[in-house]
Amino acid sequence: MIETEFEFTLPKGYLDPDGNLHRTGVMRLARAMDEIVPMRDPRVKGNPAYATVIILSRVIIRLGALDEITPMVIEELFAADLNYLQTFYRQINELEEEG
């Protein structure tokens, strides 16, 4: 059986508008559509780096007690957490080169 969901803990955590900190979450393996769909988004056409924000919002299925993970949530992450999630994404999807 293949594992498709992976737990993570953010180094800093997402601070929601009410002041609640959300650090633990679950990311699922990406599907081809998770990387294709963002390329159609006008925000990505204007700034290709924004694809990361959309992709992460699609593959993170839980973050603390949040009901939904939107691109706006990803935009509000601390830089250390965004970097952590990008690295985690590459690792679980086996996109890291062997060193």
C-alpha atoms as a PDB file:
ATOM      1  CA  MET A   1       0.000   0.000   0.000  1.00  0.00           C
ATOM      2  CA  ILE A   2       1.312   3.427  -0.930  1.00  0.00           C
ATOM      3  CA  GLU A   3       1.363   6.188   1.653  1.00  0.00           C
ATOM      4  CA  THR A   4      -0.379   9.292   0.263  1.00  0.00           C
ATOM      5  CA  GLU A   5      -0.659  11.608   3.298  1.00  0.00           C
ATOM      6  CA  PHE A   6       2.185  12.940   5.418  1.00  0.00           C
ATOM      7  CA  GLU A   7       2.089  14.840   8.707  1.00  0.00           C
ATOM      8  CA  PHE A   8       4.256  17.904   9.251  1.00  0.00           C
ATOM      9  CA  THR A   9       4.968  20.535  11.893  1.00  0.00           C
ATOM     10  CA  LEU A  10       5.774  24.063  10.779  1.00  0.00           C
ATOM     11  CA  PRO A  11       8.843  25.697  12.319  1.00  0.00           C
ATOM     12  CA  LYS A  12       6.940  28.906  13.182  1.00  0.00           C
ATOM     13  CA  GLY A  13       3.266  28.265  12.450  1.00  0.00           C
ATOM     14  CA  TYR A  14       0.417  30.086  10.759  1.00  0.00           C
ATOM     15  CA  LEU A  15      -1.050  32.876  12.876  1.00  0.00           C
ATOM     16  CA  ASP A  16      -4.710  33.315  11.946  1.00  0.00           C
ATOM     17  CA  PRO A  17      -6.582  36.651  12.161  1.00  0.00           C
ATOM     18  CA  ASP A  18      -7.877  35.713  15.642  1.00  0.00           C
ATOM     19  CA  GLY A  19      -4.343  35.170  16.944  1.00  0.00           C
ATOM     20  CA  ASN A  20      -4.493  31.353  16.975  1.00  0.00           C
ATOM     21  CA  LEU A  21      -1.314  29.526  16.010  1.00  0.00           C
ATOM     22  CA  HIS A  22      -1.571  26.515  13.686  1.00  0.00           C
ATOM     23  CA  ARG A  23       1.597  24.403  13.363  1.00  0.00           C
ATOM     24  CA  THR A  24       0.663  20.798  12.633  1.00  0.00           C
ATOM     25  CA  GLY A  25      -0.820  19.637   9.378  1.00  0.00           C
ATOM     26  CA  VAL A  26      -1.094  17.014   6.684  1.00  0.00           C
ATOM     27  CA  MET A  27       0.070  17.198   3.084  1.00  0.00           C
ATOM     28  CA  ARG A  28      -1.020  14.697   0.464  1.00  0.00           C
ATOM     29  CA  LEU A  29       0.964  13.525  -2.524  1.00  0.00           C
ATOM     30  CA  ALA A  30       0.553  15.798  -5.530  1.00  0.00           C
ATOM     31  CA  ARG A  31      -1.270  14.723  -8.638  1.00  0.00           C
ATOM     32  CA  ALA A  32      -0.500  15.961 -12.134  1.00  0.00           C
ATOM     33  CA  MET A  33      -3.515  18.295 -12.007  1.00  0.00           C
ATOM     34  CA  ASP A  34      -2.123  19.973  -8.884  1.00  0.00           C
ATOM     35  CA  GLU A  35       0.741  21.273 -11.007  1.00  0.00           C
ATOM     36  CA  ILE A  36      -1.240  21.846 -14.214  1.00  0.00           C
ATOM     37  CA  VAL A  37      -4.229  23.822 -12.877  1.00  0.00           C
ATOM     38  CA  PRO A  38      -2.165  26.693 -11.392  1.00  0.00           C
ATOM     39  CA  MET A  39      -0.630  27.408 -14.810  1.00  0.00           C
ATOM     40  CA  ARG A  40      -4.083  28.576 -15.961  1.00  0.00           C
ATOM     41  CA  ASP A  41      -4.400  31.050 -13.073  1.00  0.00           C
ATOM     42  CA  PRO A  42      -3.922  34.720 -14.038  1.00  0.00           C
ATOM     43  CA  ARG A  43      -1.882  35.316 -10.859  1.00  0.00           C
ATOM     44  CA  VAL A  44       0.645  32.737 -12.073  1.00  0.00           C
ATOM     45  CA  LYS A  45       0.739  34.208 -15.572  1.00  0.00           C
ATOM     46  CA  GLY A  46       1.700  37.540 -13.987  1.00  0.00           C
ATOM     47  CA  ASN A  47       4.114  35.979 -11.481  1.00  0.00           C
ATOM     48  CA  PRO A  48       5.223  32.370 -12.144  1.00  0.00           C
ATOM     49  CA  ALA A  49       6.464  32.013  -8.544  1.00  0.00           C
ATOM     50  CA  TYR A  50       2.839  32.250  -7.390  1.00  0.00           C
ATOM     51  CA  ALA A  51       2.292  28.694  -8.675  1.00  0.00           C
ATOM     52  CA  THR A  52       3.917  27.452  -5.456  1.00  0.00           C
ATOM     53  CA  VAL A  53       1.260  29.210  -3.382  1.00  0.00           C
ATOM     54  CA  ILE A  54      -1.575  27.626  -5.341  1.00  0.00           C
ATOM     55  CA  ILE A  55      -0.002  24.171  -5.412  1.00  0.00           C
ATOM     56  CA  LEU A  56       0.550  24.168  -1.642  1.00  0.00           C
ATOM     57  CA  SER A  57      -3.032  25.319  -1.034  1.00  0.00           C
ATOM     58  CA  ARG A  58      -4.206  22.296  -3.064  1.00  0.00           C
ATOM     59  CA  VAL A  59      -2.024  19.624  -1.430  1.00  0.00           C
ATOM     60  CA  ILE A  60      -2.186  20.717   2.231  1.00  0.00           C
ATOM     61  CA  ILE A  61      -5.324  19.008   3.450  1.00  0.00           C
ATOM     62  CA  ARG A  62      -5.099  20.061   7.101  1.00  0.00           C
ATOM     63  CA  LEU A  63      -3.388  22.834   9.028  1.00  0.00           C
ATOM     64  CA  GLY A  64      -4.247  23.057  12.683  1.00  0.00           C
ATOM     65  CA  ALA A  65      -7.945  23.772  13.198  1.00  0.00           C
ATOM     66  CA  LEU A  66      -8.454  25.647   9.919  1.00  0.00           C
ATOM     67  CA  ASP A  67     -11.532  24.704   7.910  1.00  0.00           C
ATOM     68  CA  GLU A  68      -9.908  25.450   4.560  1.00  0.00           C
ATOM     69  CA  ILE A  69      -6.409  26.027   3.219  1.00  0.00           C
ATOM     70  CA  THR A  70      -6.597  28.803   0.634  1.00  0.00           C
ATOM     71  CA  PRO A  71      -3.892  30.649  -1.295  1.00  0.00           C
ATOM     72  CA  MET A  72      -4.466  33.542   1.133  1.00  0.00           C
ATOM     73  CA  VAL A  73      -3.472  31.281   4.045  1.00  0.00           C
ATOM     74  CA  ILE A  74      -0.276  30.266   2.232  1.00  0.00           C
ATOM     75  CA  GLU A  75       0.462  33.940   1.442  1.00  0.00           C
ATOM     76  CA  GLU A  76       0.349  34.741   5.166  1.00  0.00           C
ATOM     77  CA  LEU A  77       2.871  32.080   6.216  1.00  0.00           C
ATOM     78  CA  PHE A  78       6.212  33.169   7.591  1.00  0.00           C
ATOM     79  CA  ALA A  79       9.068  32.761   5.089  1.00  0.00           C
ATOM     80  CA  ALA A  80      10.605  29.946   7.176  1.00  0.00           C
ATOM     81  CA  ASP A  81       7.335  27.986   6.996  1.00  0.00           C
ATOM     82  CA  LEU A  82       6.946  28.519   3.248  1.00  0.00           C
ATOM     83  CA  ASN A  83      10.505  27.296   2.708  1.00  0.00           C
ATOM     84  CA  TYR A  84       9.830  24.279   4.958  1.00  0.00           C
ATOM     85  CA  LEU A  85       6.669  23.370   3.027  1.00  0.00           C
ATOM     86  CA  GLN A  86       8.382  23.713  -0.359  1.00  0.00           C
ATOM     87  CA  THR A  87      11.159  21.369   0.792  1.00  0.00           C
ATOM     88  CA  PHE A  88       8.649  18.948   2.348  1.00  0.00           C
ATOM     89  CA  TYR A  89       6.629  18.933  -0.904  1.00  0.00           C
ATOM     90  CA  ARG A  90       9.722  18.059  -2.937  1.00  0.00           C
ATOM     91  CA  GLN A  91      10.683  15.305  -0.484  1.00  0.00           C
ATOM     92  CA  ILE A  92       7.346  13.501  -0.276  1.00  0.00           C
ATOM     93  CA  ASN A  93       6.828  13.736  -4.035  1.00  0.00           C
ATOM     94  CA  GLU A  94      10.369  12.450  -4.613  1.00  0.00           C
ATOM     95  CA  LEU A  95      11.421  15.546  -6.513  1.00  0.00           C
ATOM     96  CA  GLU A  96      14.658  15.937  -4.557  1.00  0.00           C
ATOM     97  CA  GLU A  97      17.797  14.872  -6.362  1.00  0.00           C
ATOM     98  CA  GLU A  98      19.835  12.215  -4.646  1.00  0.00           C
ATOM     99  CA  GLY A  99      22.938  13.811  -3.176  1.00  0.00           C
END
